[in-house]
Amino acid sequence: MSVYHGNDLRKISGGRKGRHVKVKRKYLMGRFPALTQVGHEEEKDIIRTFGGNIKVKMKVASRANVIDPETGETKTARILRVVENPASRDLERRGIITKGAILQTELGLARVVSRPGQDGVINAILIKE
């Protein structure tokens, strides 16, 4: 099944649109979200994007790069669970990591500042408790 981000090729009445809108173009194609979850082994998908670039989608994450704002140090910490996800209550219930999600790590609570489905890495900032 494909994901199409363009307009429909039919009018509201159900009739087909004019000759200038007759094919679905590749640049209007989309993909399904990565829906990054917490697991034991990291799993990534490398995808060729439009223009020949690559996008790394993280499917399963086990570690995060956590920055301590007081000292400025960056440490790699194991992710224990997803505590909160302000993007959606359903994503929080399913334990999916997105930008803005609050994670429980070995170092404490951390807020995700990267986009795991786009960047392929989880960067987070330590939160004061």
N, C-alpha and C. Protein backbone atom coordinates (compact mmCIF):
# COMPACT_ATOMS: atom_id res chain seq x y z
N MET A 1 0.84 -1.18 0.00
CA MET A 1 0.00 0.00 0.00
C MET A 1 0.88 1.24 0.00
N SER A 2 0.53 2.21 -0.82
CA SER A 2 1.36 3.41 -0.93
C SER A 2 0.73 4.56 -0.14
N VAL A 3 1.55 5.58 0.12
CA VAL A 3 1.09 6.78 0.80
C VAL A 3 1.21 7.92 -0.21
N TYR A 4 0.08 8.57 -0.51
CA TYR A 4 0.04 9.62 -1.53
C TYR A 4 -0.30 10.94 -0.85
N HIS A 5 0.57 11.96 -1.04
CA HIS A 5 0.38 13.25 -0.38
C HIS A 5 -0.23 14.30 -1.30
N GLY A 6 -0.65 13.90 -2.49
CA GLY A 6 -1.25 14.85 -3.43
C GLY A 6 -2.76 14.90 -3.26
N ASN A 7 -3.38 15.75 -4.07
CA ASN A 7 -4.84 15.85 -4.05
C ASN A 7 -5.45 14.68 -4.82
N ASP A 8 -6.72 14.46 -4.58
CA ASP A 8 -7.43 13.40 -5.27
C ASP A 8 -7.57 13.75 -6.75
N LEU A 9 -7.68 12.74 -7.60
CA LEU A 9 -7.82 12.97 -9.04
C LEU A 9 -9.29 13.05 -9.45
N ARG A 10 -10.18 13.21 -8.47
CA ARG A 10 -11.60 13.34 -8.78
C ARG A 10 -12.18 14.61 -8.15
N LYS A 11 -13.22 15.10 -8.75
CA LYS A 11 -13.91 16.28 -8.25
C LYS A 11 -14.85 15.88 -7.11
N ILE A 12 -15.43 16.86 -6.44
CA ILE A 12 -16.36 16.59 -5.34
C ILE A 12 -17.58 15.82 -5.86
N SER A 13 -17.98 16.13 -7.10
CA SER A 13 -19.14 15.46 -7.70
C SER A 13 -18.85 14.00 -8.06
N GLY A 14 -17.58 13.61 -8.09
CA GLY A 14 -17.22 12.24 -8.45
C GLY A 14 -16.64 12.13 -9.84
N GLY A 15 -16.75 13.22 -10.61
CA GLY A 15 -16.19 13.21 -11.97
C GLY A 15 -14.68 13.36 -11.95
N ARG A 16 -14.03 12.92 -13.03
CA ARG A 16 -12.57 13.03 -13.10
C ARG A 16 -12.15 14.46 -13.36
N LYS A 17 -10.97 14.86 -12.84
CA LYS A 17 -10.46 16.20 -13.05
C LYS A 17 -9.91 16.35 -14.46
N GLY A 18 -9.55 17.58 -14.83
CA GLY A 18 -9.10 17.89 -16.18
C GLY A 18 -7.80 17.24 -16.59
N ARG A 19 -7.37 17.48 -17.82
CA ARG A 19 -6.20 16.83 -18.40
C ARG A 19 -4.90 17.21 -17.69
N HIS A 20 -4.84 18.39 -17.10
CA HIS A 20 -3.60 18.85 -16.47
C HIS A 20 -3.30 18.10 -15.17
N VAL A 21 -4.27 17.40 -14.61
CA VAL A 21 -4.04 16.64 -13.38
C VAL A 21 -4.37 15.18 -13.67
N LYS A 22 -3.55 14.49 -14.43
CA LYS A 22 -3.96 13.15 -14.81
C LYS A 22 -3.08 12.03 -14.29
N VAL A 23 -1.93 12.34 -13.68
CA VAL A 23 -1.08 11.27 -13.16
C VAL A 23 -0.59 11.61 -11.76
N LYS A 24 -0.31 10.56 -11.01
CA LYS A 24 0.28 10.73 -9.68
C LYS A 24 1.79 10.78 -9.86
N ARG A 25 2.43 11.83 -9.38
CA ARG A 25 3.86 12.03 -9.56
C ARG A 25 4.64 11.45 -8.38
N LYS A 26 5.90 11.07 -8.65
CA LYS A 26 6.73 10.45 -7.61
C LYS A 26 7.02 11.41 -6.47
N TYR A 27 7.13 12.72 -6.77
CA TYR A 27 7.46 13.68 -5.71
C TYR A 27 6.30 13.89 -4.74
N LEU A 28 5.13 13.35 -5.06
CA LEU A 28 3.99 13.42 -4.16
C LEU A 28 3.85 12.16 -3.31
N MET A 29 4.82 11.25 -3.44
CA MET A 29 4.79 10.00 -2.69
C MET A 29 5.25 10.22 -1.25
N GLY A 30 4.71 9.45 -0.33
CA GLY A 30 5.13 9.52 1.07
C GLY A 30 5.46 8.14 1.59
N ARG A 31 5.76 8.05 2.87
CA ARG A 31 6.04 6.75 3.49
C ARG A 31 5.37 6.70 4.86
N PHE A 32 5.30 5.49 5.39
CA PHE A 32 4.71 5.31 6.70
C PHE A 32 5.71 5.76 7.78
N PRO A 33 5.24 6.21 8.95
CA PRO A 33 6.15 6.65 10.01
C PRO A 33 6.97 5.50 10.58
N ALA A 34 8.13 5.84 11.15
CA ALA A 34 9.05 4.82 11.68
C ALA A 34 8.52 4.18 12.96
N LEU A 35 7.85 4.95 13.81
CA LEU A 35 7.30 4.46 15.09
C LEU A 35 8.37 3.75 15.91
N THR A 36 9.40 4.51 16.30
CA THR A 36 10.53 3.98 17.05
C THR A 36 10.10 3.48 18.43
N GLN A 37 10.51 2.26 18.77
CA GLN A 37 10.18 1.67 20.06
C GLN A 37 11.44 1.34 20.84
N VAL A 38 11.28 1.06 22.13
CA VAL A 38 12.40 0.68 22.99
C VAL A 38 12.58 -0.82 22.91
N GLY A 39 13.84 -1.26 22.73
CA GLY A 39 14.14 -2.68 22.66
C GLY A 39 15.55 -2.97 23.12
N HIS A 40 15.99 -4.23 22.97
CA HIS A 40 17.33 -4.62 23.43
C HIS A 40 18.40 -4.33 22.38
N GLU A 41 18.11 -4.60 21.10
CA GLU A 41 19.08 -4.36 20.04
C GLU A 41 18.55 -3.27 19.12
N GLU A 42 19.45 -2.36 18.70
CA GLU A 42 19.03 -1.28 17.81
C GLU A 42 18.77 -1.82 16.41
N GLU A 43 17.76 -1.26 15.78
CA GLU A 43 17.38 -1.68 14.44
C GLU A 43 17.10 -0.41 13.62
N LYS A 44 17.78 -0.28 12.47
CA LYS A 44 17.62 0.90 11.63
C LYS A 44 17.32 0.50 10.20
N ASP A 45 16.58 1.35 9.50
CA ASP A 45 16.31 1.17 8.08
C ASP A 45 16.96 2.33 7.34
N ILE A 46 17.72 2.02 6.28
CA ILE A 46 18.32 3.05 5.45
C ILE A 46 17.49 3.14 4.18
N ILE A 47 16.98 4.34 3.92
CA ILE A 47 16.05 4.54 2.81
C ILE A 47 16.60 5.59 1.86
N ARG A 48 16.51 5.33 0.56
CA ARG A 48 16.89 6.32 -0.45
C ARG A 48 15.72 7.28 -0.60
N THR A 49 16.00 8.57 -0.45
CA THR A 49 14.95 9.58 -0.56
C THR A 49 15.01 10.23 -1.94
N PHE A 50 14.08 11.11 -2.18
CA PHE A 50 14.02 11.81 -3.46
C PHE A 50 15.26 12.69 -3.61
N GLY A 51 15.93 12.61 -4.73
CA GLY A 51 17.15 13.37 -4.96
C GLY A 51 18.39 12.55 -4.69
N GLY A 52 18.23 11.28 -4.33
CA GLY A 52 19.38 10.41 -4.12
C GLY A 52 19.98 10.46 -2.73
N ASN A 53 19.41 11.26 -1.84
CA ASN A 53 19.91 11.32 -0.47
C ASN A 53 19.47 10.07 0.29
N ILE A 54 19.99 9.92 1.50
CA ILE A 54 19.55 8.79 2.32
C ILE A 54 18.96 9.30 3.62
N LYS A 55 18.03 8.51 4.14
CA LYS A 55 17.39 8.81 5.42
C LYS A 55 17.50 7.56 6.27
N VAL A 56 17.95 7.72 7.51
CA VAL A 56 18.07 6.58 8.42
C VAL A 56 16.90 6.62 9.38
N LYS A 57 16.05 5.60 9.32
CA LYS A 57 14.90 5.52 10.20
C LYS A 57 15.19 4.52 11.30
N MET A 58 15.12 4.95 12.55
CA MET A 58 15.36 4.06 13.68
C MET A 58 14.06 3.36 14.05
N LYS A 59 14.07 2.03 13.97
CA LYS A 59 12.88 1.24 14.29
C LYS A 59 12.85 0.84 15.76
N VAL A 60 14.01 0.36 16.26
CA VAL A 60 14.12 -0.06 17.66
C VAL A 60 15.34 0.63 18.26
N ALA A 61 15.18 1.23 19.43
CA ALA A 61 16.27 1.95 20.09
C ALA A 61 16.55 1.35 21.45
N SER A 62 17.83 1.30 21.81
CA SER A 62 18.19 0.80 23.13
C SER A 62 18.99 1.84 23.92
N ARG A 63 19.63 2.78 23.21
CA ARG A 63 20.48 3.78 23.86
C ARG A 63 20.16 5.18 23.34
N ALA A 64 20.49 6.18 24.15
CA ALA A 64 20.30 7.58 23.77
C ALA A 64 21.53 8.37 24.18
N ASN A 65 21.86 9.39 23.38
CA ASN A 65 22.93 10.33 23.73
C ASN A 65 22.31 11.40 24.62
N VAL A 66 22.66 11.38 25.91
CA VAL A 66 22.04 12.28 26.88
C VAL A 66 23.03 13.38 27.25
N ILE A 67 22.56 14.63 27.14
CA ILE A 67 23.38 15.80 27.44
C ILE A 67 22.97 16.34 28.81
N ASP A 68 23.96 16.58 29.66
CA ASP A 68 23.71 17.21 30.96
C ASP A 68 23.88 18.71 30.76
N PRO A 69 22.81 19.52 30.86
CA PRO A 69 22.93 20.95 30.59
C PRO A 69 23.82 21.71 31.58
N GLU A 70 23.96 21.20 32.80
CA GLU A 70 24.79 21.89 33.79
C GLU A 70 26.27 21.77 33.47
N THR A 71 26.72 20.55 33.17
CA THR A 71 28.15 20.33 32.92
C THR A 71 28.50 20.40 31.44
N GLY A 72 27.51 20.20 30.57
CA GLY A 72 27.77 20.20 29.13
C GLY A 72 28.30 18.87 28.61
N GLU A 73 28.34 17.86 29.47
CA GLU A 73 28.85 16.54 29.07
C GLU A 73 27.77 15.74 28.38
N THR A 74 28.21 14.94 27.42
CA THR A 74 27.30 14.02 26.72
C THR A 74 27.68 12.60 27.06
N LYS A 75 26.70 11.82 27.49
CA LYS A 75 26.94 10.42 27.83
C LYS A 75 25.91 9.55 27.11
N THR A 76 26.31 8.34 26.79
CA THR A 76 25.38 7.38 26.21
C THR A 76 24.73 6.59 27.34
N ALA A 77 23.40 6.61 27.36
CA ALA A 77 22.67 5.94 28.45
C ALA A 77 21.65 4.97 27.87
N ARG A 78 21.41 3.89 28.60
CA ARG A 78 20.42 2.90 28.19
C ARG A 78 19.02 3.45 28.46
N ILE A 79 18.12 3.26 27.50
CA ILE A 79 16.73 3.70 27.66
C ILE A 79 15.97 2.60 28.39
N LEU A 80 15.29 2.99 29.47
CA LEU A 80 14.52 2.02 30.24
C LEU A 80 13.06 1.95 29.78
N ARG A 81 12.43 3.13 29.59
CA ARG A 81 11.04 3.15 29.12
C ARG A 81 10.66 4.57 28.69
N VAL A 82 9.51 4.67 28.02
CA VAL A 82 8.95 5.96 27.64
C VAL A 82 7.98 6.37 28.74
N VAL A 83 8.26 7.50 29.38
CA VAL A 83 7.44 7.97 30.50
C VAL A 83 6.24 8.76 29.98
N GLU A 84 6.50 9.66 29.02
CA GLU A 84 5.45 10.56 28.53
C GLU A 84 5.75 10.92 27.09
N ASN A 85 4.69 11.10 26.30
CA ASN A 85 4.85 11.58 24.93
C ASN A 85 3.78 12.63 24.66
N PRO A 86 4.15 13.92 24.70
CA PRO A 86 3.16 14.98 24.53
C PRO A 86 2.56 15.04 23.13
N ALA A 87 3.19 14.38 22.16
CA ALA A 87 2.67 14.39 20.79
C ALA A 87 1.32 13.69 20.71
N SER A 88 1.18 12.58 21.44
CA SER A 88 -0.07 11.82 21.39
C SER A 88 -0.15 10.88 22.58
N ARG A 89 -1.34 10.76 23.11
CA ARG A 89 -1.56 9.85 24.22
C ARG A 89 -1.42 8.39 23.78
N ASP A 90 -1.81 8.13 22.53
CA ASP A 90 -1.72 6.78 21.98
C ASP A 90 -0.26 6.37 21.81
N LEU A 91 0.59 7.31 21.34
CA LEU A 91 2.02 7.01 21.19
C LEU A 91 2.64 6.73 22.56
N GLU A 92 2.19 7.45 23.57
CA GLU A 92 2.68 7.24 24.94
C GLU A 92 2.30 5.84 25.44
N ARG A 93 1.08 5.43 25.18
CA ARG A 93 0.58 4.12 25.60
C ARG A 93 1.35 3.00 24.90
N ARG A 94 1.68 3.20 23.62
CA ARG A 94 2.39 2.18 22.84
C ARG A 94 3.90 2.23 23.06
N GLY A 95 4.40 3.25 23.77
CA GLY A 95 5.83 3.34 24.06
C GLY A 95 6.66 3.75 22.86
N ILE A 96 6.14 4.66 22.04
CA ILE A 96 6.82 5.10 20.82
C ILE A 96 7.57 6.40 21.10
N ILE A 97 8.82 6.46 20.61
CA ILE A 97 9.70 7.60 20.85
C ILE A 97 9.61 8.57 19.68
N THR A 98 9.26 9.82 19.97
CA THR A 98 9.28 10.89 18.97
C THR A 98 9.99 12.08 19.60
N LYS A 99 10.15 13.15 18.80
CA LYS A 99 10.75 14.36 19.34
C LYS A 99 9.82 14.93 20.42
N GLY A 100 10.40 15.27 21.58
CA GLY A 100 9.62 15.80 22.69
C GLY A 100 9.21 14.77 23.72
N ALA A 101 9.43 13.49 23.43
CA ALA A 101 9.06 12.43 24.37
C ALA A 101 9.97 12.46 25.59
N ILE A 102 9.44 12.09 26.74
CA ILE A 102 10.21 12.01 27.98
C ILE A 102 10.58 10.55 28.21
N LEU A 103 11.90 10.29 28.33
CA LEU A 103 12.40 8.93 28.50
C LEU A 103 12.96 8.74 29.90
N GLN A 104 12.82 7.53 30.43
CA GLN A 104 13.49 7.15 31.67
C GLN A 104 14.78 6.45 31.25
N THR A 105 15.93 7.06 31.58
CA THR A 105 17.23 6.47 31.24
C THR A 105 17.98 6.12 32.52
N GLU A 106 19.15 5.53 32.35
CA GLU A 106 19.99 5.20 33.52
C GLU A 106 20.41 6.45 34.27
N LEU A 107 20.53 7.58 33.57
CA LEU A 107 20.97 8.83 34.19
C LEU A 107 19.81 9.64 34.78
N GLY A 108 18.58 9.28 34.46
CA GLY A 108 17.41 10.00 34.93
C GLY A 108 16.46 10.30 33.77
N LEU A 109 15.52 11.21 34.01
CA LEU A 109 14.57 11.58 32.97
C LEU A 109 15.24 12.47 31.93
N ALA A 110 14.92 12.23 30.65
CA ALA A 110 15.51 13.02 29.56
C ALA A 110 14.46 13.28 28.49
N ARG A 111 14.51 14.50 27.90
CA ARG A 111 13.58 14.89 26.84
C ARG A 111 14.28 14.75 25.49
N VAL A 112 13.64 14.07 24.55
CA VAL A 112 14.22 13.82 23.22
C VAL A 112 14.18 15.10 22.39
N VAL A 113 15.33 15.47 21.80
CA VAL A 113 15.42 16.68 20.98
C VAL A 113 15.68 16.37 19.51
N SER A 114 15.97 15.11 19.18
CA SER A 114 16.17 14.73 17.78
C SER A 114 14.92 14.02 17.26
N ARG A 115 14.91 13.75 15.96
CA ARG A 115 13.78 13.03 15.36
C ARG A 115 14.25 11.64 14.96
N PRO A 116 13.98 10.62 15.78
CA PRO A 116 14.51 9.28 15.52
C PRO A 116 14.07 8.68 14.19
N GLY A 117 12.88 9.02 13.73
CA GLY A 117 12.40 8.49 12.46
C GLY A 117 13.04 9.16 11.26
N GLN A 118 13.71 10.29 11.46
CA GLN A 118 14.35 11.03 10.37
C GLN A 118 15.87 10.96 10.47
N ASP A 119 16.40 11.03 11.69
CA ASP A 119 17.85 11.13 11.89
C ASP A 119 18.52 9.79 12.15
N GLY A 120 17.79 8.84 12.72
CA GLY A 120 18.37 7.54 13.03
C GLY A 120 19.17 7.53 14.31
N VAL A 121 19.03 8.56 15.14
CA VAL A 121 19.74 8.64 16.41
C VAL A 121 18.83 9.33 17.42
N ILE A 122 19.02 9.01 18.70
CA ILE A 122 18.23 9.65 19.75
C ILE A 122 19.14 10.52 20.59
N ASN A 123 18.94 11.83 20.50
CA ASN A 123 19.64 12.80 21.33
C ASN A 123 18.62 13.34 22.34
N ALA A 124 19.04 13.45 23.60
CA ALA A 124 18.12 13.89 24.64
C ALA A 124 18.84 14.81 25.62
N ILE A 125 18.06 15.65 26.29
CA ILE A 125 18.58 16.56 27.31
C ILE A 125 18.05 16.11 28.66
N LEU A 126 18.94 16.02 29.64
CA LEU A 126 18.58 15.60 30.99
C LEU A 126 17.65 16.64 31.62
N ILE A 127 16.61 16.16 32.29
CA ILE A 127 15.63 17.04 32.93
C ILE A 127 15.88 17.03 34.43
N LYS A 128 15.80 18.22 35.03
CA LYS A 128 15.92 18.30 36.49
C LYS A 128 14.64 17.75 37.10
N GLU A 129 14.77 16.96 38.14
CA GLU A 129 13.59 16.34 38.76
C GLU A 129 13.17 17.07 40.01
